[in-house]
Amino acid sequence: MTPDEIKDEPPPVLGRWSRVYILILCELALVILAFYLFTIHFAP
């Protein structure tokens, strides 16, 4: 099977890969924000 014959299947959730990437970036931003807030709150 050549690369031209391989179909790019949609992801099982959200319907488009761009939406999956946006979701991952938003989740990463929330994790970074949470760690920043924990750092500020528990700083000596």
Protein backbone atom coordinates (compact mmCIF):
# COMPACT_ATOMS: atom_id res chain seq x y z
CA MET A 1 0.00 0.00 0.00
CA THR A 2 1.49 3.34 -1.03
CA PRO A 3 1.18 6.53 1.03
CA ASP A 4 -1.25 7.89 -1.58
CA GLU A 5 -3.62 5.00 -0.93
CA ILE A 6 -3.66 5.42 2.86
CA LYS A 7 -6.67 7.43 3.99
CA ASP A 8 -6.38 9.81 6.89
CA GLU A 9 -9.19 8.71 9.17
CA PRO A 10 -10.93 11.24 11.40
CA PRO A 11 -10.27 10.96 15.14
CA PRO A 12 -12.76 8.98 17.23
CA VAL A 13 -13.74 12.13 19.16
CA LEU A 14 -14.42 15.73 18.09
CA GLY A 15 -14.56 14.87 14.38
CA ARG A 16 -11.47 16.81 13.21
CA TRP A 17 -7.80 16.60 14.10
CA SER A 18 -7.55 20.39 14.48
CA ARG A 19 -10.16 20.25 17.27
CA VAL A 20 -8.18 17.52 19.03
CA TYR A 21 -5.00 19.66 18.84
CA ILE A 22 -6.85 22.69 20.21
CA LEU A 23 -8.23 20.59 23.08
CA ILE A 24 -4.73 19.33 23.92
CA LEU A 25 -3.29 22.87 23.85
CA CYS A 26 -6.07 24.15 26.11
CA GLU A 27 -5.52 21.30 28.55
CA LEU A 28 -1.78 22.06 28.59
CA ALA A 29 -2.47 25.75 29.25
CA LEU A 30 -4.75 24.81 32.17
CA VAL A 31 -2.11 22.53 33.67
CA ILE A 32 0.54 25.26 33.37
CA LEU A 33 -1.83 27.79 34.96
CA ALA A 34 -2.65 25.38 37.81
CA PHE A 35 1.04 24.78 38.56
CA TYR A 36 1.69 28.53 38.45
CA LEU A 37 -1.13 29.22 40.91
CA PHE A 38 0.06 26.43 43.22
CA THR A 39 3.56 27.91 43.10
CA ILE A 40 2.29 31.37 44.00
CA HIS A 41 0.02 30.08 46.75
CA PHE A 42 2.59 27.80 48.45
CA ALA A 43 5.67 29.98 47.98
CA PRO A 44 7.49 30.70 51.24
